[in-house]
Amino acid sequence: MSSLVFFNKPYGVLSQFTPEGKWRALDEFIPVKDVYVAGRLDADSEGLLILTDDGKLQAKIADPRHKLEKTYWAQVEGVPDEAALARLRTGIPLSDFTARPARVRLIDEPTGLWLREPPIRYRAAIPTSWLEIRISEGKNRQVRRMTAAIGYPTLRLIRAAIGAATLAGLAPGQWRRIDGGYQYLQGKFNE
């Protein structure tokens, strides 16, 4: 049976086991051997990272053809209006592709959210707001590029869920192992 590792990746950590430059790596946090990242997060993004010991499962989790929805919390500069959100909901052209329609809504700051180190920049004259963005793609810096394209740059980005897998119970830097495969991620826990 495939094994999954769920990890709450802190800011400043690469989605790899080898550090580079100023960025830390997964080897500081996860002592499990022979697991590989299934869908990366940039060093400046936080949240759920899934690792697995199954190469086919790794590809399936990361491949947008399988439509495994990823949920992000994005703290953006400003407060988007409905017209801006509608652009994300209908699919937005970016420089190298058109992002598929996203499920997007304004939310309150997520409950239990940890402080980020270092904190985001604070500007008294410019409010921030939180968006929940659900996509089944995952191209390089996609969510950040999408919010910038509607005029609301992302200041902080957290992946909250991949399919049915969530950050629940994981503080930044913590991990847990789950025995299960793709069915687990689809919310089919008893198969």
C-alpha atoms as a PDB file:
ATOM      1  CA  MET A   1       0.000   0.000   0.000  1.00  0.00           C
ATOM      2  CA  SER A   2       1.202   3.508  -0.760  1.00  0.00           C
ATOM      3  CA  SER A   3       2.323   5.728   2.042  1.00  0.00           C
ATOM      4  CA  LEU A   4       1.608   9.468   2.120  1.00  0.00           C
ATOM      5  CA  VAL A   5       3.363  12.087   4.225  1.00  0.00           C
ATOM      6  CA  PHE A   6       1.446  15.309   4.890  1.00  0.00           C
ATOM      7  CA  PHE A   7       3.706  18.226   5.820  1.00  0.00           C
ATOM      8  CA  ASN A   8       2.880  21.806   6.778  1.00  0.00           C
ATOM      9  CA  LYS A   9       5.700  23.539   4.923  1.00  0.00           C
ATOM     10  CA  PRO A  10       6.839  26.753   6.592  1.00  0.00           C
ATOM     11  CA  TYR A  11       7.841  29.903   4.719  1.00  0.00           C
ATOM     12  CA  GLY A  12      11.447  29.736   3.518  1.00  0.00           C
ATOM     13  CA  VAL A  13      11.587  25.968   3.007  1.00  0.00           C
ATOM     14  CA  LEU A  14      12.140  24.429  -0.421  1.00  0.00           C
ATOM     15  CA  SER A  15      10.047  21.514  -1.707  1.00  0.00           C
ATOM     16  CA  GLN A  16      13.167  19.339  -1.864  1.00  0.00           C
ATOM     17  CA  PHE A  17      15.539  17.595   0.527  1.00  0.00           C
ATOM     18  CA  THR A  18      18.618  19.675  -0.353  1.00  0.00           C
ATOM     19  CA  PRO A  19      18.986  23.296   0.832  1.00  0.00           C
ATOM     20  CA  GLU A  20      19.985  26.016  -1.646  1.00  0.00           C
ATOM     21  CA  GLY A  21      21.319  29.456  -0.828  1.00  0.00           C
ATOM     22  CA  LYS A  22      19.266  31.093   1.921  1.00  0.00           C
ATOM     23  CA  TRP A  23      16.453  28.509   1.717  1.00  0.00           C
ATOM     24  CA  ARG A  24      16.084  25.568   4.087  1.00  0.00           C
ATOM     25  CA  ALA A  25      15.077  22.069   2.941  1.00  0.00           C
ATOM     26  CA  LEU A  26      12.757  19.206   3.884  1.00  0.00           C
ATOM     27  CA  ASP A  27      15.602  17.164   5.415  1.00  0.00           C
ATOM     28  CA  GLU A  28      15.436  19.458   8.492  1.00  0.00           C
ATOM     29  CA  PHE A  29      11.872  18.335   9.172  1.00  0.00           C
ATOM     30  CA  ILE A  30      11.079  14.944   7.644  1.00  0.00           C
ATOM     31  CA  PRO A  31      13.265  11.963   8.640  1.00  0.00           C
ATOM     32  CA  VAL A  32      11.329   9.546   6.394  1.00  0.00           C
ATOM     33  CA  LYS A  33      13.452   8.024   3.621  1.00  0.00           C
ATOM     34  CA  ASP A  34      12.433   7.264   0.045  1.00  0.00           C
ATOM     35  CA  VAL A  35       9.509   9.698  -0.198  1.00  0.00           C
ATOM     36  CA  TYR A  36       9.192  12.289  -2.936  1.00  0.00           C
ATOM     37  CA  VAL A  37       7.263  15.529  -3.300  1.00  0.00           C
ATOM     38  CA  ALA A  38       3.983  15.328  -5.223  1.00  0.00           C
ATOM     39  CA  GLY A  39       3.309  18.899  -6.332  1.00  0.00           C
ATOM     40  CA  ARG A  40       5.693  21.611  -5.250  1.00  0.00           C
ATOM     41  CA  LEU A  41       5.261  24.815  -3.289  1.00  0.00           C
ATOM     42  CA  ASP A  42       7.583  27.782  -3.765  1.00  0.00           C
ATOM     43  CA  ALA A  43       9.903  28.656  -0.886  1.00  0.00           C
ATOM     44  CA  ASP A  44       7.860  31.802  -0.204  1.00  0.00           C
ATOM     45  CA  SER A  45       4.577  29.851  -0.001  1.00  0.00           C
ATOM     46  CA  GLU A  46       3.372  27.855   2.989  1.00  0.00           C
ATOM     47  CA  GLY A  47       1.078  24.979   3.723  1.00  0.00           C
ATOM     48  CA  LEU A  48       0.241  21.445   2.731  1.00  0.00           C
ATOM     49  CA  LEU A  49       2.872  19.490   0.890  1.00  0.00           C
ATOM     50  CA  ILE A  50       2.303  15.801   0.124  1.00  0.00           C
ATOM     51  CA  LEU A  51       5.128  13.331  -0.261  1.00  0.00           C
ATOM     52  CA  THR A  52       4.784   9.684  -1.256  1.00  0.00           C
ATOM     53  CA  ASP A  53       6.885   6.567  -1.801  1.00  0.00           C
ATOM     54  CA  ASP A  54       4.865   5.658  -4.914  1.00  0.00           C
ATOM     55  CA  GLY A  55       6.098   7.213  -8.181  1.00  0.00           C
ATOM     56  CA  LYS A  56       2.827   6.615 -10.048  1.00  0.00           C
ATOM     57  CA  LEU A  57       0.835   8.168  -7.220  1.00  0.00           C
ATOM     58  CA  GLN A  58       3.253  11.104  -7.121  1.00  0.00           C
ATOM     59  CA  ALA A  59       2.591  11.822 -10.805  1.00  0.00           C
ATOM     60  CA  LYS A  60      -1.163  11.379 -10.395  1.00  0.00           C
ATOM     61  CA  ILE A  61      -1.358  13.858  -7.493  1.00  0.00           C
ATOM     62  CA  ALA A  62       0.572  16.502  -9.410  1.00  0.00           C
ATOM     63  CA  ASP A  63      -1.044  15.996 -12.837  1.00  0.00           C
ATOM     64  CA  PRO A  64      -3.947  18.409 -13.522  1.00  0.00           C
ATOM     65  CA  ARG A  65      -5.611  15.824 -15.789  1.00  0.00           C
ATOM     66  CA  HIS A  66      -6.778  14.029 -12.639  1.00  0.00           C
ATOM     67  CA  LYS A  67      -8.556  17.199 -11.431  1.00  0.00           C
ATOM     68  CA  LEU A  68      -7.477  16.867  -7.799  1.00  0.00           C
ATOM     69  CA  GLU A  69      -8.568  20.236  -6.431  1.00  0.00           C
ATOM     70  CA  LYS A  70      -6.089  22.313  -4.455  1.00  0.00           C
ATOM     71  CA  THR A  71      -7.350  24.912  -1.994  1.00  0.00           C
ATOM     72  CA  TYR A  72      -5.286  28.020  -1.281  1.00  0.00           C
ATOM     73  CA  TRP A  73      -5.676  30.882   1.154  1.00  0.00           C
ATOM     74  CA  ALA A  74      -4.250  34.044  -0.358  1.00  0.00           C
ATOM     75  CA  GLN A  75      -3.783  37.245   1.609  1.00  0.00           C
ATOM     76  CA  VAL A  76      -3.927  39.971  -0.996  1.00  0.00           C
ATOM     77  CA  GLU A  77      -3.222  43.673  -1.028  1.00  0.00           C
ATOM     78  CA  GLY A  78      -6.551  45.506  -1.189  1.00  0.00           C
ATOM     79  CA  VAL A  79     -10.111  44.170  -1.197  1.00  0.00           C
ATOM     80  CA  PRO A  80     -11.204  42.661  -4.539  1.00  0.00           C
ATOM     81  CA  ASP A  81     -14.704  43.496  -5.713  1.00  0.00           C
ATOM     82  CA  GLU A  82     -17.085  41.022  -7.374  1.00  0.00           C
ATOM     83  CA  ALA A  83     -15.968  42.067 -10.875  1.00  0.00           C
ATOM     84  CA  ALA A  84     -12.355  41.153 -10.054  1.00  0.00           C
ATOM     85  CA  LEU A  85     -13.387  37.820  -8.524  1.00  0.00           C
ATOM     86  CA  ALA A  86     -15.578  37.079 -11.566  1.00  0.00           C
ATOM     87  CA  ARG A  87     -12.491  37.319 -13.770  1.00  0.00           C
ATOM     88  CA  LEU A  88     -10.879  34.516 -11.760  1.00  0.00           C
ATOM     89  CA  ARG A  89     -14.079  32.465 -11.884  1.00  0.00           C
ATOM     90  CA  THR A  90     -14.222  32.568 -15.679  1.00  0.00           C
ATOM     91  CA  GLY A  91     -10.549  31.798 -16.348  1.00  0.00           C
ATOM     92  CA  ILE A  92      -7.909  34.459 -16.665  1.00  0.00           C
ATOM     93  CA  PRO A  93      -5.294  34.893 -19.412  1.00  0.00           C
ATOM     94  CA  LEU A  94      -1.727  34.952 -18.142  1.00  0.00           C
ATOM     95  CA  SER A  95       1.399  35.550 -20.210  1.00  0.00           C
ATOM     96  CA  ASP A  96       1.957  31.887 -21.159  1.00  0.00           C
ATOM     97  CA  PHE A  97      -1.452  30.213 -20.668  1.00  0.00           C
ATOM     98  CA  THR A  98      -5.031  30.881 -19.655  1.00  0.00           C
ATOM     99  CA  ALA A  99      -5.792  29.715 -16.134  1.00  0.00           C
ATOM    100  CA  ARG A 100      -8.873  27.533 -15.932  1.00  0.00           C
ATOM    101  CA  PRO A 101     -11.883  28.912 -14.054  1.00  0.00           C
ATOM    102  CA  ALA A 102     -11.255  28.931 -10.310  1.00  0.00           C
ATOM    103  CA  ARG A 103     -13.665  28.711  -7.427  1.00  0.00           C
ATOM    104  CA  VAL A 104     -13.001  31.910  -5.489  1.00  0.00           C
ATOM    105  CA  ARG A 105     -14.523  33.684  -2.514  1.00  0.00           C
ATOM    106  CA  LEU A 106     -13.577  36.338   0.013  1.00  0.00           C
ATOM    107  CA  ILE A 107     -13.040  34.830   3.481  1.00  0.00           C
ATOM    108  CA  ASP A 108     -12.150  36.060   6.937  1.00  0.00           C
ATOM    109  CA  GLU A 109      -8.584  35.415   8.072  1.00  0.00           C
ATOM    110  CA  PRO A 110      -8.437  31.631   8.552  1.00  0.00           C
ATOM    111  CA  THR A 111      -9.083  30.499  12.136  1.00  0.00           C
ATOM    112  CA  GLY A 112      -5.978  29.330  13.967  1.00  0.00           C
ATOM    113  CA  LEU A 113      -3.616  30.844  11.419  1.00  0.00           C
ATOM    114  CA  TRP A 114      -0.027  30.910  12.644  1.00  0.00           C
ATOM    115  CA  LEU A 115       2.230  33.946  12.456  1.00  0.00           C
ATOM    116  CA  ARG A 116       4.570  33.950   9.511  1.00  0.00           C
ATOM    117  CA  GLU A 117       8.272  34.484  10.105  1.00  0.00           C
ATOM    118  CA  PRO A 118       9.197  36.939   8.720  1.00  0.00           C
ATOM    119  CA  PRO A 119       5.836  38.723   8.783  1.00  0.00           C
ATOM    120  CA  ILE A 120       4.376  40.197   5.607  1.00  0.00           C
ATOM    121  CA  ARG A 121       4.875  43.903   5.049  1.00  0.00           C
ATOM    122  CA  TYR A 122       2.294  46.079   6.722  1.00  0.00           C
ATOM    123  CA  ARG A 123       1.074  49.355   5.221  1.00  0.00           C
ATOM    124  CA  ALA A 124      -1.400  51.395   7.236  1.00  0.00           C
ATOM    125  CA  ALA A 125      -2.969  53.017   4.165  1.00  0.00           C
ATOM    126  CA  ILE A 126      -3.579  49.780   2.227  1.00  0.00           C
ATOM    127  CA  PRO A 127      -5.904  47.129   3.677  1.00  0.00           C
ATOM    128  CA  THR A 128      -5.463  43.436   3.003  1.00  0.00           C
ATOM    129  CA  SER A 129      -8.054  40.704   2.566  1.00  0.00           C
ATOM    130  CA  TRP A 130      -8.131  36.914   2.309  1.00  0.00           C
ATOM    131  CA  LEU A 131      -9.320  34.841  -0.625  1.00  0.00           C
ATOM    132  CA  GLU A 132     -10.020  31.133  -0.784  1.00  0.00           C
ATOM    133  CA  ILE A 133      -9.003  29.965  -4.257  1.00  0.00           C
ATOM    134  CA  ARG A 134      -9.647  26.426  -5.513  1.00  0.00           C
ATOM    135  CA  ILE A 135      -7.921  25.234  -8.676  1.00  0.00           C
ATOM    136  CA  SER A 136      -7.122  21.877 -10.254  1.00  0.00           C
ATOM    137  CA  GLU A 137      -4.047  23.145 -12.068  1.00  0.00           C
ATOM    138  CA  GLY A 138      -0.806  24.067 -10.380  1.00  0.00           C
ATOM    139  CA  LYS A 139       1.499  25.840 -12.769  1.00  0.00           C
ATOM    140  CA  ASN A 140       4.505  27.819 -11.577  1.00  0.00           C
ATOM    141  CA  ARG A 141       3.382  30.643  -9.242  1.00  0.00           C
ATOM    142  CA  GLN A 142      -0.123  30.356 -10.697  1.00  0.00           C
ATOM    143  CA  VAL A 143      -2.179  31.724  -7.800  1.00  0.00           C
ATOM    144  CA  ARG A 144       0.177  34.676  -7.317  1.00  0.00           C
ATOM    145  CA  ARG A 145       0.023  35.429 -11.032  1.00  0.00           C
ATOM    146  CA  MET A 146      -3.781  35.166 -11.068  1.00  0.00           C
ATOM    147  CA  THR A 147      -4.289  37.639  -8.205  1.00  0.00           C
ATOM    148  CA  ALA A 148      -1.734  40.039  -9.694  1.00  0.00           C
ATOM    149  CA  ALA A 149      -3.570  39.892 -13.046  1.00  0.00           C
ATOM    150  CA  ILE A 150      -6.734  41.232 -11.404  1.00  0.00           C
ATOM    151  CA  GLY A 151      -4.781  43.972  -9.605  1.00  0.00           C
ATOM    152  CA  TYR A 152      -4.531  42.434  -6.116  1.00  0.00           C
ATOM    153  CA  PRO A 153      -1.008  41.101  -5.486  1.00  0.00           C
ATOM    154  CA  THR A 154      -0.629  38.143  -3.130  1.00  0.00           C
ATOM    155  CA  LEU A 155       1.266  38.965   0.053  1.00  0.00           C
ATOM    156  CA  ARG A 156       0.964  35.551   1.710  1.00  0.00           C
ATOM    157  CA  LEU A 157      -0.014  32.216   0.166  1.00  0.00           C
ATOM    158  CA  ILE A 158      -0.978  29.059   2.039  1.00  0.00           C
ATOM    159  CA  ARG A 159      -2.077  25.776   0.465  1.00  0.00           C
ATOM    160  CA  ALA A 160      -4.802  24.582   2.826  1.00  0.00           C
ATOM    161  CA  ALA A 161      -5.846  21.344   1.103  1.00  0.00           C
ATOM    162  CA  ILE A 162      -5.135  18.914  -1.707  1.00  0.00           C
ATOM    163  CA  GLY A 163      -8.280  16.949  -2.433  1.00  0.00           C
ATOM    164  CA  ALA A 164      -9.585  15.696   0.936  1.00  0.00           C
ATOM    165  CA  ALA A 165      -6.190  16.114   2.650  1.00  0.00           C
ATOM    166  CA  THR A 166      -5.976  19.221   4.817  1.00  0.00           C
ATOM    167  CA  LEU A 167      -3.635  21.000   7.198  1.00  0.00           C
ATOM    168  CA  ALA A 168      -5.891  20.128  10.149  1.00  0.00           C
ATOM    169  CA  GLY A 169      -3.798  19.329  13.217  1.00  0.00           C
ATOM    170  CA  LEU A 170      -0.451  20.225  11.609  1.00  0.00           C
ATOM    171  CA  ALA A 171       1.501  23.216  12.899  1.00  0.00           C
ATOM    172  CA  PRO A 172       4.171  24.677  10.588  1.00  0.00           C
ATOM    173  CA  GLY A 173       7.071  22.229  10.319  1.00  0.00           C
ATOM    174  CA  GLN A 174       4.999  19.239  11.498  1.00  0.00           C
ATOM    175  CA  TRP A 175       4.271  16.128   9.448  1.00  0.00           C
ATOM    176  CA  ARG A 176       2.268  12.914   9.706  1.00  0.00           C
ATOM    177  CA  ARG A 177       2.228   9.664   7.759  1.00  0.00           C
ATOM    178  CA  ILE A 178      -0.989   8.254   6.317  1.00  0.00           C
ATOM    179  CA  ASP A 179      -1.297   4.774   4.882  1.00  0.00           C
ATOM    180  CA  GLY A 180      -3.465   5.146   1.825  1.00  0.00           C
ATOM    181  CA  GLY A 181      -3.320   6.265  -1.721  1.00  0.00           C
ATOM    182  CA  TYR A 182      -5.268   8.326  -4.171  1.00  0.00           C
ATOM    183  CA  GLN A 183      -8.590   7.148  -2.723  1.00  0.00           C
ATOM    184  CA  TYR A 184      -7.663   8.871   0.546  1.00  0.00           C
ATOM    185  CA  LEU A 185      -7.076  12.139  -1.283  1.00  0.00           C
ATOM    186  CA  GLN A 186     -10.453  11.799  -3.011  1.00  0.00           C
ATOM    187  CA  GLY A 187     -12.145  11.459   0.386  1.00  0.00           C
ATOM    188  CA  LYS A 188     -12.844   7.749   0.000  1.00  0.00           C
ATOM    189  CA  PHE A 189     -11.322   6.712   3.325  1.00  0.00           C
ATOM    190  CA  ASN A 190     -12.837   3.223   3.522  1.00  0.00           C
ATOM    191  CA  GLU A 191     -11.773   1.879   0.142  1.00  0.00           C
END
